[in-house]
Amino acid sequence: MDLYSRVVRPINGVESASMPGCPVCDDARAVPRFSVAGCDSPIVVCEACGVGRFEPMLSRDEIEALYPDEYYG
């Protein structure tokens, strides 16, 4: 099941937490914002710059599973 077929739900009412530094600005404050069906890691949003990412980062195999076979990006 690729990412386009998965249910994405907002996570509400969670406060920011200290996490590994943002890959863009290195700030350690982020808020869990979304859960993706079939993924253990939530998508968190950096409080400083707004970039979103899975935290903890998904494994290579988990990332590959999010894309359909015909994806060529």
PDB file of N, CA and C in Angstrom:
ATOM      1  N   MET A   1       0.849  -1.177   0.000  1.00  0.00           N
ATOM      2  CA  MET A   1       0.000   0.000   0.000  1.00  0.00           C
ATOM      3  C   MET A   1       0.894   1.240   0.000  1.00  0.00           C
ATOM      4  N   ASP A   2       0.774   2.054  -1.049  1.00  0.00           N
ATOM      5  CA  ASP A   2       1.614   3.247  -1.137  1.00  0.00           C
ATOM      6  C   ASP A   2       1.004   4.409  -0.350  1.00  0.00           C
ATOM      7  N   LEU A   3       1.736   5.495  -0.248  1.00  0.00           N
ATOM      8  CA  LEU A   3       1.322   6.648   0.556  1.00  0.00           C
ATOM      9  C   LEU A   3      -0.018   7.204   0.097  1.00  0.00           C
ATOM     10  N   TYR A   4      -0.283   7.168  -1.203  1.00  0.00           N
ATOM     11  CA  TYR A   4      -1.518   7.734  -1.734  1.00  0.00           C
ATOM     12  C   TYR A   4      -2.746   6.934  -1.321  1.00  0.00           C
ATOM     13  N   SER A   5      -2.550   5.701  -0.878  1.00  0.00           N
ATOM     14  CA  SER A   5      -3.653   4.841  -0.455  1.00  0.00           C
ATOM     15  C   SER A   5      -3.834   4.825   1.059  1.00  0.00           C
ATOM     16  N   ARG A   6      -2.950   5.442   1.794  1.00  0.00           N
ATOM     17  CA  ARG A   6      -2.992   5.394   3.260  1.00  0.00           C
ATOM     18  C   ARG A   6      -3.827   6.530   3.842  1.00  0.00           C
ATOM     19  N   VAL A   7      -4.455   6.234   4.960  1.00  0.00           N
ATOM     20  CA  VAL A   7      -5.238   7.245   5.665  1.00  0.00           C
ATOM     21  C   VAL A   7      -4.276   8.095   6.509  1.00  0.00           C
ATOM     22  N   VAL A   8      -4.396   9.407   6.361  1.00  0.00           N
ATOM     23  CA  VAL A   8      -3.597  10.352   7.146  1.00  0.00           C
ATOM     24  C   VAL A   8      -4.569  11.098   8.049  1.00  0.00           C
ATOM     25  N   ARG A   9      -4.281  11.060   9.356  1.00  0.00           N
ATOM     26  CA  ARG A   9      -5.164  11.706  10.328  1.00  0.00           C
ATOM     27  C   ARG A   9      -4.405  12.773  11.108  1.00  0.00           C
ATOM     28  N   PRO A  10      -5.073  13.892  11.396  1.00  0.00           N
ATOM     29  CA  PRO A  10      -4.425  14.902  12.229  1.00  0.00           C
ATOM     30  C   PRO A  10      -4.285  14.407  13.663  1.00  0.00           C
ATOM     31  N   ILE A  11      -3.246  14.854  14.323  1.00  0.00           N
ATOM     32  CA  ILE A  11      -3.047  14.597  15.750  1.00  0.00           C
ATOM     33  C   ILE A  11      -3.284  15.934  16.441  1.00  0.00           C
ATOM     34  N   ASN A  12      -4.296  16.007  17.271  1.00  0.00           N
ATOM     35  CA  ASN A  12      -4.646  17.261  17.931  1.00  0.00           C
ATOM     36  C   ASN A  12      -4.326  17.212  19.417  1.00  0.00           C
ATOM     37  N   GLY A  13      -4.069  18.364  19.990  1.00  0.00           N
ATOM     38  CA  GLY A  13      -3.900  18.479  21.425  1.00  0.00           C
ATOM     39  C   GLY A  13      -2.567  18.007  21.968  1.00  0.00           C
ATOM     40  N   VAL A  14      -1.577  17.848  21.116  1.00  0.00           N
ATOM     41  CA  VAL A  14      -0.251  17.419  21.566  1.00  0.00           C
ATOM     42  C   VAL A  14       0.668  18.631  21.584  1.00  0.00           C
ATOM     43  N   GLU A  15       1.386  18.795  22.663  1.00  0.00           N
ATOM     44  CA  GLU A  15       2.299  19.933  22.783  1.00  0.00           C
ATOM     45  C   GLU A  15       3.651  19.609  22.169  1.00  0.00           C
ATOM     46  N   SER A  16       4.444  20.641  21.941  1.00  0.00           N
ATOM     47  CA  SER A  16       5.767  20.433  21.356  1.00  0.00           C
ATOM     48  C   SER A  16       6.631  19.610  22.307  1.00  0.00           C
ATOM     49  N   ALA A  17       7.577  18.927  21.717  1.00  0.00           N
ATOM     50  CA  ALA A  17       8.490  18.085  22.486  1.00  0.00           C
ATOM     51  C   ALA A  17       9.894  18.278  21.950  1.00  0.00           C
ATOM     52  N   SER A  18      10.865  17.926  22.757  1.00  0.00           N
ATOM     53  CA  SER A  18      12.250  17.979  22.328  1.00  0.00           C
ATOM     54  C   SER A  18      12.540  16.735  21.498  1.00  0.00           C
ATOM     55  N   MET A  19      13.100  16.939  20.318  1.00  0.00           N
ATOM     56  CA  MET A  19      13.392  15.856  19.386  1.00  0.00           C
ATOM     57  C   MET A  19      14.761  16.100  18.771  1.00  0.00           C
ATOM     58  N   PRO A  20      15.265  15.131  18.021  1.00  0.00           N
ATOM     59  CA  PRO A  20      16.515  15.379  17.298  1.00  0.00           C
ATOM     60  C   PRO A  20      16.361  16.632  16.432  1.00  0.00           C
ATOM     61  N   GLY A  21      17.436  17.343  16.212  1.00  0.00           N
ATOM     62  CA  GLY A  21      17.399  18.598  15.477  1.00  0.00           C
ATOM     63  C   GLY A  21      16.764  18.491  14.109  1.00  0.00           C
ATOM     64  N   CYS A  22      16.046  19.535  13.737  1.00  0.00           N
ATOM     65  CA  CYS A  22      15.416  19.632  12.425  1.00  0.00           C
ATOM     66  C   CYS A  22      16.502  19.559  11.340  1.00  0.00           C
ATOM     67  N   PRO A  23      16.246  18.836  10.244  1.00  0.00           N
ATOM     68  CA  PRO A  23      17.257  18.750   9.185  1.00  0.00           C
ATOM     69  C   PRO A  23      17.458  20.062   8.429  1.00  0.00           C
ATOM     70  N   VAL A  24      16.550  21.029   8.591  1.00  0.00           N
ATOM     71  CA  VAL A  24      16.678  22.314   7.904  1.00  0.00           C
ATOM     72  C   VAL A  24      17.308  23.366   8.806  1.00  0.00           C
ATOM     73  N   CYS A  25      16.773  23.528  10.038  1.00  0.00           N
ATOM     74  CA  CYS A  25      17.230  24.629  10.890  1.00  0.00           C
ATOM     75  C   CYS A  25      17.899  24.168  12.187  1.00  0.00           C
ATOM     76  N   ASP A  26      17.892  22.873  12.451  1.00  0.00           N
ATOM     77  CA  ASP A  26      18.518  22.249  13.622  1.00  0.00           C
ATOM     78  C   ASP A  26      17.811  22.554  14.944  1.00  0.00           C
ATOM     79  N   ASP A  27      16.620  23.161  14.891  1.00  0.00           N
ATOM     80  CA  ASP A  27      15.866  23.404  16.122  1.00  0.00           C
ATOM     81  C   ASP A  27      15.355  22.062  16.650  1.00  0.00           C
ATOM     82  N   ALA A  28      15.312  21.913  17.958  1.00  0.00           N
ATOM     83  CA  ALA A  28      14.921  20.644  18.576  1.00  0.00           C
ATOM     84  C   ALA A  28      13.463  20.612  19.025  1.00  0.00           C
ATOM     85  N   ARG A  29      12.670  21.636  18.717  1.00  0.00           N
ATOM     86  CA  ARG A  29      11.259  21.660  19.129  1.00  0.00           C
ATOM     87  C   ARG A  29      10.367  21.318  17.944  1.00  0.00           C
ATOM     88  N   ALA A  30       9.534  20.294  18.135  1.00  0.00           N
ATOM     89  CA  ALA A  30       8.617  19.884  17.079  1.00  0.00           C
ATOM     90  C   ALA A  30       7.325  19.378  17.709  1.00  0.00           C
ATOM     91  N   VAL A  31       6.247  19.438  16.927  1.00  0.00           N
ATOM     92  CA  VAL A  31       4.933  19.006  17.392  1.00  0.00           C
ATOM     93  C   VAL A  31       4.438  17.880  16.493  1.00  0.00           C
ATOM     94  N   PRO A  32       4.041  16.739  17.066  1.00  0.00           N
ATOM     95  CA  PRO A  32       3.415  15.689  16.248  1.00  0.00           C
ATOM     96  C   PRO A  32       2.103  16.215  15.661  1.00  0.00           C
ATOM     97  N   ARG A  33       1.953  16.160  14.331  1.00  0.00           N
ATOM     98  CA  ARG A  33       0.774  16.733  13.677  1.00  0.00           C
ATOM     99  C   ARG A  33      -0.093  15.709  12.952  1.00  0.00           C
ATOM    100  N   PHE A  34       0.529  14.649  12.391  1.00  0.00           N
ATOM    101  CA  PHE A  34      -0.233  13.685  11.595  1.00  0.00           C
ATOM    102  C   PHE A  34       0.223  12.263  11.881  1.00  0.00           C
ATOM    103  N   SER A  35      -0.739  11.337  11.822  1.00  0.00           N
ATOM    104  CA  SER A  35      -0.402   9.920  11.852  1.00  0.00           C
ATOM    105  C   SER A  35      -0.769   9.346  10.490  1.00  0.00           C
ATOM    106  N   VAL A  36       0.039   8.418  10.010  1.00  0.00           N
ATOM    107  CA  VAL A  36      -0.174   7.791   8.712  1.00  0.00           C
ATOM    108  C   VAL A  36      -0.426   6.312   8.963  1.00  0.00           C
ATOM    109  N   ALA A  37      -1.531   5.808   8.457  1.00  0.00           N
ATOM    110  CA  ALA A  37      -1.878   4.398   8.648  1.00  0.00           C
ATOM    111  C   ALA A  37      -0.729   3.508   8.180  1.00  0.00           C
ATOM    112  N   GLY A  38      -0.346   2.581   9.027  1.00  0.00           N
ATOM    113  CA  GLY A  38       0.716   1.645   8.695  1.00  0.00           C
ATOM    114  C   GLY A  38       2.113   2.114   9.033  1.00  0.00           C
ATOM    115  N   CYS A  39       2.256   3.346   9.531  1.00  0.00           N
ATOM    116  CA  CYS A  39       3.558   3.878   9.931  1.00  0.00           C
ATOM    117  C   CYS A  39       3.564   4.075  11.437  1.00  0.00           C
ATOM    118  N   ASP A  40       4.603   3.602  12.095  1.00  0.00           N
ATOM    119  CA  ASP A  40       4.715   3.792  13.537  1.00  0.00           C
ATOM    120  C   ASP A  40       5.135   5.216  13.899  1.00  0.00           C
ATOM    121  N   SER A  41       5.871   5.875  13.010  1.00  0.00           N
ATOM    122  CA  SER A  41       6.382   7.230  13.276  1.00  0.00           C
ATOM    123  C   SER A  41       5.362   8.272  12.849  1.00  0.00           C
ATOM    124  N   PRO A  42       5.079   9.253  13.718  1.00  0.00           N
ATOM    125  CA  PRO A  42       4.197  10.335  13.295  1.00  0.00           C
ATOM    126  C   PRO A  42       4.958  11.348  12.431  1.00  0.00           C
ATOM    127  N   ILE A  43       4.205  12.174  11.723  1.00  0.00           N
ATOM    128  CA  ILE A  43       4.801  13.315  11.043  1.00  0.00           C
ATOM    129  C   ILE A  43       4.807  14.457  12.049  1.00  0.00           C
ATOM    130  N   VAL A  44       5.981  15.011  12.301  1.00  0.00           N
ATOM    131  CA  VAL A  44       6.122  16.126  13.226  1.00  0.00           C
ATOM    132  C   VAL A  44       6.453  17.383  12.431  1.00  0.00           C
ATOM    133  N   VAL A  45       6.101  18.540  12.987  1.00  0.00           N
ATOM    134  CA  VAL A  45       6.367  19.818  12.329  1.00  0.00           C
ATOM    135  C   VAL A  45       7.278  20.648  13.225  1.00  0.00           C
ATOM    136  N   CYS A  46       8.377  21.115  12.666  1.00  0.00           N
ATOM    137  CA  CYS A  46       9.339  21.940  13.391  1.00  0.00           C
ATOM    138  C   CYS A  46       8.681  23.249  13.805  1.00  0.00           C
ATOM    139  N   GLU A  47       8.840  23.617  15.064  1.00  0.00           N
ATOM    140  CA  GLU A  47       8.245  24.857  15.565  1.00  0.00           C
ATOM    141  C   GLU A  47       8.963  26.094  15.031  1.00  0.00           C
ATOM    142  N   ALA A  48      10.214  25.977  14.647  1.00  0.00           N
ATOM    143  CA  ALA A  48      10.975  27.144  14.195  1.00  0.00           C
ATOM    144  C   ALA A  48      10.756  27.441  12.708  1.00  0.00           C
ATOM    145  N   CYS A  49      10.850  26.423  11.846  1.00  0.00           N
ATOM    146  CA  CYS A  49      10.790  26.688  10.404  1.00  0.00           C
ATOM    147  C   CYS A  49       9.584  26.067   9.707  1.00  0.00           C
ATOM    148  N   GLY A  50       8.865  25.160  10.383  1.00  0.00           N
ATOM    149  CA  GLY A  50       7.653  24.591   9.814  1.00  0.00           C
ATOM    150  C   GLY A  50       7.829  23.369   8.933  1.00  0.00           C
ATOM    151  N   VAL A  51       9.060  22.881   8.776  1.00  0.00           N
ATOM    152  CA  VAL A  51       9.254  21.702   7.944  1.00  0.00           C
ATOM    153  C   VAL A  51       8.653  20.478   8.642  1.00  0.00           C
ATOM    154  N   GLY A  52       8.040  19.594   7.851  1.00  0.00           N
ATOM    155  CA  GLY A  52       7.470  18.369   8.379  1.00  0.00           C
ATOM    156  C   GLY A  52       8.354  17.185   8.055  1.00  0.00           C
ATOM    157  N   ARG A  53       8.360  16.204   8.958  1.00  0.00           N
ATOM    158  CA  ARG A  53       9.172  14.999   8.742  1.00  0.00           C
ATOM    159  C   ARG A  53       8.631  13.872   9.615  1.00  0.00           C
ATOM    160  N   PHE A  54       8.950  12.651   9.229  1.00  0.00           N
ATOM    161  CA  PHE A  54       8.657  11.523  10.104  1.00  0.00           C
ATOM    162  C   PHE A  54       9.694  11.514  11.216  1.00  0.00           C
ATOM    163  N   GLU A  55       9.254  11.277  12.450  1.00  0.00           N
ATOM    164  CA  GLU A  55      10.188  11.207  13.577  1.00  0.00           C
ATOM    165  C   GLU A  55       9.742  10.110  14.524  1.00  0.00           C
ATOM    166  N   PRO A  56      10.538   9.059  14.738  1.00  0.00           N
ATOM    167  CA  PRO A  56      11.863   8.887  14.132  1.00  0.00           C
ATOM    168  C   PRO A  56      11.754   8.597  12.636  1.00  0.00           C
ATOM    169  N   MET A  57      12.844   8.885  11.935  1.00  0.00           N
ATOM    170  CA  MET A  57      12.891   8.707  10.494  1.00  0.00           C
ATOM    171  C   MET A  57      12.587   7.261  10.128  1.00  0.00           C
ATOM    172  N   LEU A  58      11.879   7.087   9.039  1.00  0.00           N
ATOM    173  CA  LEU A  58      11.559   5.743   8.563  1.00  0.00           C
ATOM    174  C   LEU A  58      12.805   5.078   7.977  1.00  0.00           C
ATOM    175  N   SER A  59      12.793   3.759   7.980  1.00  0.00           N
ATOM    176  CA  SER A  59      13.900   3.014   7.363  1.00  0.00           C
ATOM    177  C   SER A  59      13.784   3.126   5.840  1.00  0.00           C
ATOM    178  N   ARG A  60      14.838   2.774   5.154  1.00  0.00           N
ATOM    179  CA  ARG A  60      14.828   2.807   3.685  1.00  0.00           C
ATOM    180  C   ARG A  60      13.685   1.964   3.133  1.00  0.00           C
ATOM    181  N   ASP A  61      13.486   0.771   3.696  1.00  0.00           N
ATOM    182  CA  ASP A  61      12.418  -0.109   3.230  1.00  0.00           C
ATOM    183  C   ASP A  61      11.038   0.512   3.467  1.00  0.00           C
ATOM    184  N   GLU A  62      10.865   1.174   4.613  1.00  0.00           N
ATOM    185  CA  GLU A  62       9.582   1.824   4.915  1.00  0.00           C
ATOM    186  C   GLU A  62       9.317   2.983   3.949  1.00  0.00           C
ATOM    187  N   ILE A  63      10.359   3.730   3.611  1.00  0.00           N
ATOM    188  CA  ILE A  63      10.210   4.840   2.660  1.00  0.00           C
ATOM    189  C   ILE A  63       9.869   4.306   1.277  1.00  0.00           C
ATOM    190  N   GLU A  64      10.572   3.274   0.835  1.00  0.00           N
ATOM    191  CA  GLU A  64      10.291   2.687  -0.482  1.00  0.00           C
ATOM    192  C   GLU A  64       8.857   2.190  -0.569  1.00  0.00           C
ATOM    193  N   ALA A  65       8.333   1.649   0.535  1.00  0.00           N
ATOM    194  CA  ALA A  65       6.970   1.120   0.544  1.00  0.00           C
ATOM    195  C   ALA A  65       5.920   2.223   0.394  1.00  0.00           C
ATOM    196  N   LEU A  66       6.274   3.475   0.637  1.00  0.00           N
ATOM    197  CA  LEU A  66       5.326   4.581   0.524  1.00  0.00           C
ATOM    198  C   LEU A  66       5.073   5.001  -0.927  1.00  0.00           C
ATOM    199  N   TYR A  67       5.931   4.586  -1.849  1.00  0.00           N
ATOM    200  CA  TYR A  67       5.827   5.019  -3.235  1.00  0.00           C
ATOM    201  C   TYR A  67       5.378   3.871  -4.123  1.00  0.00           C
ATOM    202  N   PRO A  68       4.497   4.164  -5.099  1.00  0.00           N
ATOM    203  CA  PRO A  68       4.069   3.114  -6.027  1.00  0.00           C
ATOM    204  C   PRO A  68       5.232   2.680  -6.914  1.00  0.00           C
ATOM    205  N   ASP A  69       5.154   1.461  -7.425  1.00  0.00           N
ATOM    206  CA  ASP A  69       6.234   0.921  -8.263  1.00  0.00           C
ATOM    207  C   ASP A  69       6.535   1.818  -9.472  1.00  0.00           C
ATOM    208  N   GLU A  70       5.520   2.476 -10.014  1.00  0.00           N
ATOM    209  CA  GLU A  70       5.724   3.297 -11.206  1.00  0.00           C
ATOM    210  C   GLU A  70       6.265   4.691 -10.892  1.00  0.00           C
ATOM    211  N   TYR A  71       6.482   5.017  -9.628  1.00  0.00           N
ATOM    212  CA  TYR A  71       7.039   6.327  -9.254  1.00  0.00           C
ATOM    213  C   TYR A  71       8.479   6.418  -9.743  1.00  0.00           C
ATOM    214  N   TYR A  72       8.846   7.516 -10.359  1.00  0.00           N
ATOM    215  CA  TYR A  72      10.193   7.651 -10.922  1.00  0.00           C
ATOM    216  C   TYR A  72      10.924   8.900 -10.466  1.00  0.00           C
ATOM    217  N   GLY A  73      10.438   9.594  -9.424  1.00  0.00           N
ATOM    218  CA  GLY A  73      11.017  10.867  -8.963  1.00  0.00           C
ATOM    219  C   GLY A  73      12.328  10.723  -8.408  1.00  0.00           C
TER     220      GLY A  73
END
